[in-house]
Amino acid sequence: MAKSPITIPSMIEADADYADLVARQTSINERIGEIRRELAETQAAISAEQATAGPRLRAPIAELVGDADAAAVDRRKKLSDLRHQESDHEEANSVIQRRIYDRRSFASRAVIAAVRAEIDARVSAVVAATEAALTAQADLESLIRDLEAEGVEADSLRSGVVPFFLTSGQATRYVAEHGGKNG
């Protein structure tokens, strides 16, 4: 039996708070990427400058003696600022990840609520099929007992014909738990 397709909403569609957290995380991750690219460029510029200019004075000392190269000072300050920004963004990302994890159960419940009718319909179909299988199994067991009552050695039939999952109590328990749409 072919089921009609069902559209399952994403957790982002189902829960606005979850969507906001994911959007923030995306924005922070994009900014971390930008910061890291700027860091690499700035570090490359500083390395190139150090390779060609030889030993340099630290920026504050160079300023005091009047040797300050404004561009070099700016690059070093930019490097320090970028490292702080990267650290701040990584810490914010960790906080957002924890909040997303905490919000996931609320978003999951919203998605489940959106498809609850379809879940109930499919559980009902499984219950009906299981009940039919249990009825058929009871009929088979009855036939085997009738054969044994006539003196037929039917032990070999029992293990090869009667499905274990129907005789273990699991199927009966499933029907009892889910049969009245209480699942």
N, C-alpha and C. Protein backbone atom coordinates (compact mmCIF):
# COMPACT_ATOMS: atom_id res chain seq x y z
N MET A 1 0.84 -1.16 0.00
CA MET A 1 0.00 0.00 0.00
C MET A 1 0.90 1.24 0.00
N ALA A 2 0.76 2.06 -1.01
CA ALA A 2 1.59 3.25 -1.13
C ALA A 2 0.97 4.38 -0.30
N LYS A 3 1.79 5.00 0.48
CA LYS A 3 1.34 6.12 1.30
C LYS A 3 1.57 7.41 0.55
N SER A 4 0.67 8.35 0.78
CA SER A 4 0.88 9.65 0.17
C SER A 4 2.06 10.32 0.86
N PRO A 5 2.82 11.06 0.11
CA PRO A 5 4.00 11.68 0.72
C PRO A 5 3.57 12.73 1.75
N ILE A 6 4.36 12.83 2.77
CA ILE A 6 4.09 13.81 3.83
C ILE A 6 5.25 14.78 3.88
N THR A 7 4.94 16.03 4.09
CA THR A 7 5.99 17.04 4.21
C THR A 7 6.28 17.24 5.69
N ILE A 8 7.48 16.91 6.07
CA ILE A 8 7.89 17.06 7.46
C ILE A 8 8.59 18.41 7.57
N PRO A 9 8.05 19.29 8.41
CA PRO A 9 8.71 20.60 8.55
C PRO A 9 10.06 20.44 9.25
N SER A 10 10.98 21.30 8.91
CA SER A 10 12.27 21.27 9.61
C SER A 10 12.09 21.88 10.99
N MET A 11 13.04 21.64 11.87
CA MET A 11 12.94 22.21 13.21
C MET A 11 13.02 23.73 13.14
N ILE A 12 13.69 24.24 12.12
CA ILE A 12 13.79 25.69 11.94
C ILE A 12 12.42 26.27 11.59
N GLU A 13 11.66 25.55 10.76
CA GLU A 13 10.31 26.01 10.39
C GLU A 13 9.35 25.88 11.57
N ALA A 14 9.56 24.89 12.41
CA ALA A 14 8.61 24.58 13.47
C ALA A 14 8.80 25.41 14.74
N ASP A 15 10.01 25.94 14.96
CA ASP A 15 10.28 26.63 16.21
C ASP A 15 11.09 27.90 15.93
N ALA A 16 10.47 29.06 16.16
CA ALA A 16 11.10 30.34 15.85
C ALA A 16 12.36 30.58 16.69
N ASP A 17 12.34 30.18 17.96
CA ASP A 17 13.52 30.38 18.81
C ASP A 17 14.69 29.53 18.31
N TYR A 18 14.41 28.31 17.91
CA TYR A 18 15.44 27.44 17.36
C TYR A 18 15.99 28.05 16.07
N ALA A 19 15.10 28.55 15.23
CA ALA A 19 15.51 29.18 13.97
C ALA A 19 16.43 30.37 14.23
N ASP A 20 16.08 31.19 15.24
CA ASP A 20 16.89 32.35 15.57
C ASP A 20 18.29 31.93 16.02
N LEU A 21 18.36 30.89 16.85
CA LEU A 21 19.66 30.41 17.32
C LEU A 21 20.52 29.89 16.17
N VAL A 22 19.91 29.14 15.26
CA VAL A 22 20.65 28.60 14.12
C VAL A 22 21.14 29.75 13.21
N ALA A 23 20.29 30.76 13.03
CA ALA A 23 20.70 31.91 12.21
C ALA A 23 21.87 32.65 12.87
N ARG A 24 21.81 32.80 14.18
CA ARG A 24 22.93 33.45 14.89
C ARG A 24 24.22 32.64 14.74
N GLN A 25 24.08 31.32 14.88
CA GLN A 25 25.26 30.46 14.75
C GLN A 25 25.86 30.60 13.35
N THR A 26 25.01 30.61 12.34
CA THR A 26 25.50 30.76 10.97
C THR A 26 26.23 32.08 10.79
N SER A 27 25.64 33.14 11.31
CA SER A 27 26.26 34.46 11.21
C SER A 27 27.61 34.50 11.92
N ILE A 28 27.65 33.93 13.12
CA ILE A 28 28.91 33.91 13.88
C ILE A 28 29.96 33.09 13.15
N ASN A 29 29.58 31.95 12.61
CA ASN A 29 30.54 31.11 11.87
C ASN A 29 31.07 31.83 10.63
N GLU A 30 30.19 32.55 9.94
CA GLU A 30 30.65 33.31 8.77
C GLU A 30 31.66 34.37 9.19
N ARG A 31 31.36 35.06 10.30
CA ARG A 31 32.27 36.10 10.78
C ARG A 31 33.60 35.50 11.23
N ILE A 32 33.57 34.33 11.86
CA ILE A 32 34.83 33.67 12.26
C ILE A 32 35.67 33.39 11.02
N GLY A 33 35.03 32.94 9.95
CA GLY A 33 35.76 32.70 8.70
C GLY A 33 36.40 33.97 8.17
N GLU A 34 35.64 35.06 8.21
CA GLU A 34 36.19 36.35 7.74
C GLU A 34 37.36 36.79 8.62
N ILE A 35 37.20 36.67 9.92
CA ILE A 35 38.28 37.07 10.85
C ILE A 35 39.53 36.24 10.59
N ARG A 36 39.34 34.94 10.39
CA ARG A 36 40.52 34.08 10.15
C ARG A 36 41.21 34.42 8.84
N ARG A 37 40.45 34.79 7.82
CA ARG A 37 41.08 35.23 6.56
C ARG A 37 41.87 36.52 6.79
N GLU A 38 41.27 37.46 7.52
CA GLU A 38 41.98 38.71 7.82
C GLU A 38 43.22 38.45 8.66
N LEU A 39 43.11 37.53 9.62
CA LEU A 39 44.28 37.17 10.44
C LEU A 39 45.41 36.63 9.57
N ALA A 40 45.07 35.74 8.66
CA ALA A 40 46.10 35.15 7.79
C ALA A 40 46.76 36.22 6.93
N GLU A 41 45.95 37.12 6.38
CA GLU A 41 46.51 38.21 5.55
C GLU A 41 47.42 39.11 6.38
N THR A 42 46.96 39.48 7.57
CA THR A 42 47.73 40.37 8.43
C THR A 42 49.03 39.70 8.89
N GLN A 43 48.95 38.43 9.26
CA GLN A 43 50.15 37.70 9.67
C GLN A 43 51.14 37.58 8.51
N ALA A 44 50.62 37.35 7.32
CA ALA A 44 51.50 37.26 6.15
C ALA A 44 52.19 38.59 5.90
N ALA A 45 51.46 39.69 6.06
CA ALA A 45 52.06 41.02 5.86
C ALA A 45 53.12 41.30 6.91
N ILE A 46 52.86 40.92 8.14
CA ILE A 46 53.85 41.14 9.21
C ILE A 46 55.07 40.26 8.98
N SER A 47 54.87 39.02 8.56
CA SER A 47 56.00 38.13 8.28
C SER A 47 56.85 38.67 7.15
N ALA A 48 56.19 39.16 6.10
CA ALA A 48 56.93 39.71 4.96
C ALA A 48 57.72 40.94 5.39
N GLU A 49 57.12 41.75 6.22
CA GLU A 49 57.79 42.96 6.71
C GLU A 49 59.00 42.60 7.57
N GLN A 50 58.84 41.58 8.41
CA GLN A 50 59.95 41.17 9.28
C GLN A 50 61.08 40.55 8.46
N ALA A 51 60.75 39.84 7.40
CA ALA A 51 61.77 39.19 6.57
C ALA A 51 62.62 40.21 5.84
N THR A 52 62.03 41.33 5.48
CA THR A 52 62.77 42.32 4.69
C THR A 52 63.41 43.41 5.53
N ALA A 53 62.82 43.74 6.68
CA ALA A 53 63.31 44.88 7.45
C ALA A 53 64.25 44.51 8.58
N GLY A 54 64.44 43.25 8.83
CA GLY A 54 65.33 42.85 9.91
C GLY A 54 64.67 43.06 11.26
N PRO A 55 65.46 43.10 12.32
CA PRO A 55 64.87 43.23 13.65
C PRO A 55 64.17 44.58 13.80
N ARG A 56 63.03 44.53 14.46
CA ARG A 56 62.24 45.75 14.65
C ARG A 56 62.09 46.02 16.14
N LEU A 57 61.88 47.27 16.41
CA LEU A 57 61.55 47.65 17.78
C LEU A 57 60.07 47.35 18.01
N ARG A 58 59.73 47.10 19.25
CA ARG A 58 58.31 46.94 19.53
C ARG A 58 57.63 48.28 19.26
N ALA A 59 56.39 48.22 18.85
CA ALA A 59 55.65 49.41 18.42
C ALA A 59 55.70 50.55 19.45
N PRO A 60 55.46 50.32 20.73
CA PRO A 60 55.50 51.45 21.67
C PRO A 60 56.88 52.10 21.78
N ILE A 61 57.94 51.24 21.70
CA ILE A 61 59.30 51.78 21.79
C ILE A 61 59.63 52.54 20.52
N ALA A 62 59.24 52.02 19.38
CA ALA A 62 59.49 52.70 18.11
C ALA A 62 58.82 54.07 18.10
N GLU A 63 57.63 54.16 18.66
CA GLU A 63 56.94 55.44 18.71
C GLU A 63 57.69 56.42 19.60
N LEU A 64 58.18 55.93 20.74
CA LEU A 64 58.89 56.81 21.69
C LEU A 64 60.18 57.37 21.09
N VAL A 65 60.87 56.59 20.30
CA VAL A 65 62.13 57.07 19.72
C VAL A 65 61.93 57.71 18.36
N GLY A 66 60.69 57.71 17.90
CA GLY A 66 60.40 58.39 16.64
C GLY A 66 60.63 57.54 15.41
N ASP A 67 60.79 56.24 15.56
CA ASP A 67 61.00 55.34 14.42
C ASP A 67 59.73 54.61 14.00
N ALA A 68 58.62 55.01 14.54
CA ALA A 68 57.40 54.23 14.31
C ALA A 68 56.98 54.27 12.85
N ASP A 69 56.81 53.09 12.31
CA ASP A 69 56.23 52.92 10.98
C ASP A 69 54.73 52.75 11.22
N ALA A 70 53.95 53.73 10.86
CA ALA A 70 52.51 53.72 11.16
C ALA A 70 51.83 52.46 10.62
N ALA A 71 52.22 52.03 9.44
CA ALA A 71 51.59 50.85 8.84
C ALA A 71 51.92 49.60 9.66
N ALA A 72 53.16 49.48 10.12
CA ALA A 72 53.56 48.32 10.91
C ALA A 72 52.83 48.31 12.25
N VAL A 73 52.73 49.47 12.87
CA VAL A 73 52.03 49.59 14.14
C VAL A 73 50.56 49.22 13.95
N ASP A 74 49.95 49.72 12.87
CA ASP A 74 48.55 49.43 12.58
C ASP A 74 48.33 47.93 12.35
N ARG A 75 49.27 47.28 11.63
CA ARG A 75 49.13 45.85 11.37
C ARG A 75 49.19 45.04 12.67
N ARG A 76 50.10 45.41 13.55
CA ARG A 76 50.22 44.68 14.81
C ARG A 76 48.98 44.91 15.70
N LYS A 77 48.48 46.13 15.72
CA LYS A 77 47.26 46.41 16.48
C LYS A 77 46.08 45.65 15.87
N LYS A 78 46.02 45.64 14.54
CA LYS A 78 44.94 44.91 13.86
C LYS A 78 45.02 43.42 14.19
N LEU A 79 46.24 42.88 14.20
CA LEU A 79 46.43 41.46 14.53
C LEU A 79 45.91 41.17 15.95
N SER A 80 46.25 42.02 16.89
CA SER A 80 45.79 41.84 18.26
C SER A 80 44.27 41.93 18.34
N ASP A 81 43.69 42.92 17.67
CA ASP A 81 42.23 43.09 17.67
C ASP A 81 41.53 41.88 17.04
N LEU A 82 42.09 41.38 15.94
CA LEU A 82 41.50 40.22 15.27
C LEU A 82 41.55 38.98 16.15
N ARG A 83 42.64 38.81 16.88
CA ARG A 83 42.74 37.65 17.78
C ARG A 83 41.68 37.73 18.89
N HIS A 84 41.48 38.94 19.41
CA HIS A 84 40.43 39.12 20.43
C HIS A 84 39.04 38.85 19.84
N GLN A 85 38.81 39.36 18.64
CA GLN A 85 37.51 39.13 17.99
C GLN A 85 37.28 37.64 17.74
N GLU A 86 38.32 36.96 17.28
CA GLU A 86 38.20 35.53 17.02
C GLU A 86 37.85 34.79 18.31
N SER A 87 38.53 35.12 19.39
CA SER A 87 38.26 34.49 20.68
C SER A 87 36.82 34.76 21.14
N ASP A 88 36.39 36.01 21.01
CA ASP A 88 35.02 36.37 21.41
C ASP A 88 33.98 35.62 20.58
N HIS A 89 34.21 35.55 19.27
CA HIS A 89 33.26 34.86 18.39
C HIS A 89 33.23 33.35 18.67
N GLU A 90 34.39 32.76 18.95
CA GLU A 90 34.43 31.33 19.27
C GLU A 90 33.69 31.05 20.58
N GLU A 91 33.86 31.93 21.56
CA GLU A 91 33.15 31.75 22.83
C GLU A 91 31.63 31.91 22.62
N ALA A 92 31.24 32.91 21.84
CA ALA A 92 29.81 33.11 21.53
C ALA A 92 29.26 31.90 20.79
N ASN A 93 30.04 31.34 19.89
CA ASN A 93 29.61 30.16 19.15
C ASN A 93 29.37 28.98 20.09
N SER A 94 30.23 28.82 21.08
CA SER A 94 30.05 27.74 22.07
C SER A 94 28.75 27.94 22.85
N VAL A 95 28.47 29.17 23.24
CA VAL A 95 27.24 29.46 23.97
C VAL A 95 26.02 29.15 23.10
N ILE A 96 26.07 29.57 21.84
CA ILE A 96 24.96 29.34 20.91
C ILE A 96 24.77 27.83 20.70
N GLN A 97 25.86 27.09 20.56
CA GLN A 97 25.75 25.63 20.38
C GLN A 97 25.06 24.99 21.57
N ARG A 98 25.38 25.42 22.78
CA ARG A 98 24.70 24.88 23.97
C ARG A 98 23.22 25.23 23.96
N ARG A 99 22.92 26.45 23.56
CA ARG A 99 21.51 26.87 23.52
C ARG A 99 20.73 26.11 22.44
N ILE A 100 21.38 25.86 21.31
CA ILE A 100 20.72 25.06 20.26
C ILE A 100 20.45 23.65 20.78
N TYR A 101 21.42 23.08 21.45
CA TYR A 101 21.25 21.74 22.02
C TYR A 101 20.08 21.73 23.01
N ASP A 102 20.03 22.74 23.85
CA ASP A 102 18.96 22.83 24.84
C ASP A 102 17.59 23.04 24.19
N ARG A 103 17.54 23.74 23.07
CA ARG A 103 16.27 24.06 22.41
C ARG A 103 15.81 22.93 21.48
N ARG A 104 16.69 22.01 21.14
CA ARG A 104 16.38 20.96 20.17
C ARG A 104 15.15 20.15 20.57
N SER A 105 14.97 19.84 21.85
CA SER A 105 13.82 19.04 22.26
C SER A 105 12.51 19.79 22.04
N PHE A 106 12.51 21.11 22.27
CA PHE A 106 11.30 21.90 22.01
C PHE A 106 10.97 21.91 20.52
N ALA A 107 12.00 22.10 19.70
CA ALA A 107 11.79 22.12 18.25
C ALA A 107 11.33 20.75 17.76
N SER A 108 11.90 19.69 18.32
CA SER A 108 11.49 18.34 17.93
C SER A 108 10.02 18.09 18.25
N ARG A 109 9.61 18.54 19.44
CA ARG A 109 8.20 18.36 19.81
C ARG A 109 7.28 19.14 18.88
N ALA A 110 7.70 20.30 18.42
CA ALA A 110 6.89 21.09 17.49
C ALA A 110 6.75 20.36 16.15
N VAL A 111 7.82 19.73 15.69
CA VAL A 111 7.76 18.97 14.43
C VAL A 111 6.84 17.77 14.61
N ILE A 112 6.99 17.07 15.72
CA ILE A 112 6.13 15.90 15.97
C ILE A 112 4.66 16.32 16.02
N ALA A 113 4.39 17.44 16.66
CA ALA A 113 3.00 17.93 16.73
C ALA A 113 2.45 18.22 15.34
N ALA A 114 3.31 18.71 14.45
CA ALA A 114 2.88 19.04 13.09
C ALA A 114 2.52 17.80 12.28
N VAL A 115 3.11 16.66 12.61
CA VAL A 115 2.84 15.43 11.85
C VAL A 115 2.13 14.37 12.70
N ARG A 116 1.62 14.76 13.85
CA ARG A 116 0.98 13.82 14.77
C ARG A 116 -0.13 13.01 14.11
N ALA A 117 -0.98 13.64 13.31
CA ALA A 117 -2.09 12.91 12.67
C ALA A 117 -1.56 11.79 11.77
N GLU A 118 -0.51 12.06 11.04
CA GLU A 118 0.06 11.04 10.15
C GLU A 118 0.72 9.92 10.96
N ILE A 119 1.39 10.28 12.05
CA ILE A 119 1.99 9.26 12.92
C ILE A 119 0.89 8.36 13.46
N ASP A 120 -0.19 8.98 13.96
CA ASP A 120 -1.29 8.18 14.51
C ASP A 120 -1.90 7.26 13.45
N ALA A 121 -2.04 7.76 12.23
CA ALA A 121 -2.61 6.93 11.15
C ALA A 121 -1.71 5.74 10.85
N ARG A 122 -0.43 5.96 10.83
CA ARG A 122 0.50 4.87 10.52
C ARG A 122 0.62 3.88 11.68
N VAL A 123 0.56 4.36 12.90
CA VAL A 123 0.54 3.45 14.06
C VAL A 123 -0.72 2.60 14.01
N SER A 124 -1.85 3.23 13.67
CA SER A 124 -3.11 2.48 13.56
C SER A 124 -3.00 1.39 12.50
N ALA A 125 -2.33 1.69 11.40
CA ALA A 125 -2.15 0.68 10.35
C ALA A 125 -1.28 -0.48 10.85
N VAL A 126 -0.23 -0.16 11.61
CA VAL A 126 0.62 -1.22 12.16
C VAL A 126 -0.17 -2.05 13.17
N VAL A 127 -0.96 -1.39 14.00
CA VAL A 127 -1.78 -2.11 14.98
C VAL A 127 -2.75 -3.05 14.27
N ALA A 128 -3.42 -2.55 13.22
CA ALA A 128 -4.38 -3.39 12.48
C ALA A 128 -3.67 -4.59 11.85
N ALA A 129 -2.51 -4.35 11.27
CA ALA A 129 -1.76 -5.45 10.65
C ALA A 129 -1.29 -6.45 11.71
N THR A 130 -0.86 -5.94 12.85
CA THR A 130 -0.40 -6.82 13.93
C THR A 130 -1.57 -7.64 14.48
N GLU A 131 -2.72 -6.99 14.64
CA GLU A 131 -3.90 -7.74 15.10
C GLU A 131 -4.27 -8.84 14.10
N ALA A 132 -4.21 -8.53 12.81
CA ALA A 132 -4.50 -9.54 11.78
C ALA A 132 -3.49 -10.68 11.86
N ALA A 133 -2.22 -10.34 12.06
CA ALA A 133 -1.18 -11.37 12.17
C ALA A 133 -1.41 -12.22 13.43
N LEU A 134 -1.80 -11.60 14.52
CA LEU A 134 -2.07 -12.35 15.75
C LEU A 134 -3.26 -13.29 15.56
N THR A 135 -4.28 -12.83 14.85
CA THR A 135 -5.44 -13.69 14.57
C THR A 135 -5.03 -14.87 13.70
N ALA A 136 -4.25 -14.60 12.67
CA ALA A 136 -3.77 -15.67 11.79
C ALA A 136 -2.88 -16.64 12.56
N GLN A 137 -2.05 -16.12 13.44
CA GLN A 137 -1.17 -16.96 14.25
C GLN A 137 -2.00 -17.83 15.19
N ALA A 138 -3.05 -17.27 15.78
CA ALA A 138 -3.92 -18.06 16.67
C ALA A 138 -4.60 -19.18 15.89
N ASP A 139 -5.02 -18.87 14.65
CA ASP A 139 -5.63 -19.90 13.80
C ASP A 139 -4.63 -21.01 13.48
N LEU A 140 -3.39 -20.62 13.19
CA LEU A 140 -2.34 -21.60 12.92
C LEU A 140 -2.07 -22.46 14.15
N GLU A 141 -1.96 -21.84 15.30
CA GLU A 141 -1.74 -22.58 16.54
C GLU A 141 -2.89 -23.56 16.79
N SER A 142 -4.11 -23.12 16.51
CA SER A 142 -5.28 -23.99 16.69
C SER A 142 -5.19 -25.21 15.77
N LEU A 143 -4.79 -24.98 14.51
CA LEU A 143 -4.64 -26.08 13.57
C LEU A 143 -3.57 -27.06 14.05
N ILE A 144 -2.45 -26.54 14.53
CA ILE A 144 -1.38 -27.40 15.01
C ILE A 144 -1.86 -28.21 16.22
N ARG A 145 -2.60 -27.57 17.13
CA ARG A 145 -3.14 -28.30 18.28
C ARG A 145 -4.12 -29.39 17.84
N ASP A 146 -4.95 -29.08 16.80
CA ASP A 146 -5.87 -30.10 16.27
C ASP A 146 -5.10 -31.28 15.68
N LEU A 147 -3.99 -30.98 14.97
CA LEU A 147 -3.16 -32.05 14.42
C LEU A 147 -2.59 -32.91 15.55
N GLU A 148 -2.08 -32.26 16.58
CA GLU A 148 -1.51 -32.99 17.71
C GLU A 148 -2.58 -33.81 18.43
N ALA A 149 -3.81 -33.27 18.47
CA ALA A 149 -4.90 -34.01 19.12
C ALA A 149 -5.20 -35.30 18.36
N GLU A 150 -4.92 -35.34 17.08
CA GLU A 150 -5.13 -36.53 16.27
C GLU A 150 -3.92 -37.47 16.33
N GLY A 151 -2.91 -37.08 17.11
CA GLY A 151 -1.74 -37.93 17.24
C GLY A 151 -0.63 -37.59 16.26
N VAL A 152 -0.80 -36.56 15.48
CA VAL A 152 0.24 -36.17 14.51
C VAL A 152 1.38 -35.49 15.27
N GLU A 153 2.61 -35.89 14.96
CA GLU A 153 3.78 -35.25 15.58
C GLU A 153 4.06 -33.95 14.84
N ALA A 154 3.59 -32.85 15.40
CA ALA A 154 3.67 -31.54 14.73
C ALA A 154 4.70 -30.61 15.35
N ASP A 155 5.58 -31.13 16.20
CA ASP A 155 6.60 -30.28 16.83
C ASP A 155 7.49 -29.59 15.80
N SER A 156 7.80 -30.29 14.72
CA SER A 156 8.64 -29.68 13.70
C SER A 156 7.93 -28.52 13.01
N LEU A 157 6.62 -28.56 12.95
CA LEU A 157 5.87 -27.45 12.36
C LEU A 157 5.95 -26.20 13.24
N ARG A 158 5.86 -26.39 14.51
CA ARG A 158 5.81 -25.26 15.45
C ARG A 158 7.02 -24.33 15.27
N SER A 159 8.22 -24.85 15.22
CA SER A 159 9.41 -23.99 15.11
C SER A 159 9.59 -23.41 13.72
N GLY A 160 9.14 -24.10 12.68
CA GLY A 160 9.36 -23.61 11.33
C GLY A 160 8.23 -22.77 10.78
N VAL A 161 7.05 -22.83 11.38
CA VAL A 161 5.89 -22.15 10.82
C VAL A 161 5.40 -20.99 11.68
N VAL A 162 5.50 -21.13 12.99
CA VAL A 162 4.96 -20.11 13.89
C VAL A 162 6.04 -19.05 14.14
N PRO A 163 5.79 -17.81 13.72
CA PRO A 163 6.81 -16.76 13.90
C PRO A 163 6.99 -16.41 15.38
N PHE A 164 8.24 -16.36 15.79
CA PHE A 164 8.57 -16.11 17.19
C PHE A 164 8.03 -14.76 17.66
N PHE A 165 8.13 -13.73 16.84
CA PHE A 165 7.73 -12.40 17.28
C PHE A 165 6.26 -12.32 17.65
N LEU A 166 5.45 -13.25 17.12
CA LEU A 166 4.03 -13.27 17.47
C LEU A 166 3.77 -14.04 18.76
N THR A 167 4.65 -14.96 19.10
CA THR A 167 4.44 -15.78 20.29
C THR A 167 5.20 -15.27 21.50
N SER A 168 6.07 -14.28 21.33
CA SER A 168 6.90 -13.79 22.44
C SER A 168 6.16 -12.80 23.32
N GLY A 169 5.01 -12.34 22.91
CA GLY A 169 4.26 -11.36 23.70
C GLY A 169 4.51 -9.93 23.25
N GLN A 170 5.53 -9.73 22.43
CA GLN A 170 5.84 -8.38 21.97
C GLN A 170 4.70 -7.80 21.13
N ALA A 171 4.17 -8.60 20.22
CA ALA A 171 3.10 -8.12 19.33
C ALA A 171 1.84 -7.79 20.14
N THR A 172 1.49 -8.65 21.07
CA THR A 172 0.31 -8.42 21.90
C THR A 172 0.50 -7.16 22.74
N ARG A 173 1.68 -6.98 23.28
CA ARG A 173 2.00 -5.80 24.08
C ARG A 173 1.91 -4.54 23.22
N TYR A 174 2.42 -4.59 21.99
CA TYR A 174 2.37 -3.44 21.09
C TYR A 174 0.91 -3.04 20.83
N VAL A 175 0.07 -4.04 20.52
CA VAL A 175 -1.34 -3.76 20.25
C VAL A 175 -2.01 -3.17 21.49
N ALA A 176 -1.70 -3.70 22.66
CA ALA A 176 -2.29 -3.20 23.90
C ALA A 176 -1.87 -1.77 24.17
N GLU A 177 -0.60 -1.45 23.90
CA GLU A 177 -0.10 -0.11 24.18
C GLU A 177 -0.54 0.92 23.16
N HIS A 178 -0.69 0.52 21.91
CA HIS A 178 -0.95 1.48 20.85
C HIS A 178 -2.31 1.34 20.19
N GLY A 179 -3.03 0.33 20.57
CA GLY A 179 -4.31 0.06 19.91
C GLY A 179 -5.36 1.14 20.08
N GLY A 180 -5.39 1.80 21.20
CA GLY A 180 -6.42 2.82 21.43
C GLY A 180 -5.91 4.23 21.16
N LYS A 181 -4.97 4.39 20.27
CA LYS A 181 -4.34 5.67 19.96
C LYS A 181 -3.77 6.32 21.20
N ASN A 182 -3.23 5.51 22.07
CA ASN A 182 -2.61 6.07 23.28
C ASN A 182 -1.10 6.13 23.15
N GLY A 183 -0.59 5.92 21.93
CA GLY A 183 0.87 5.93 21.72
C GLY A 183 1.29 7.27 21.38
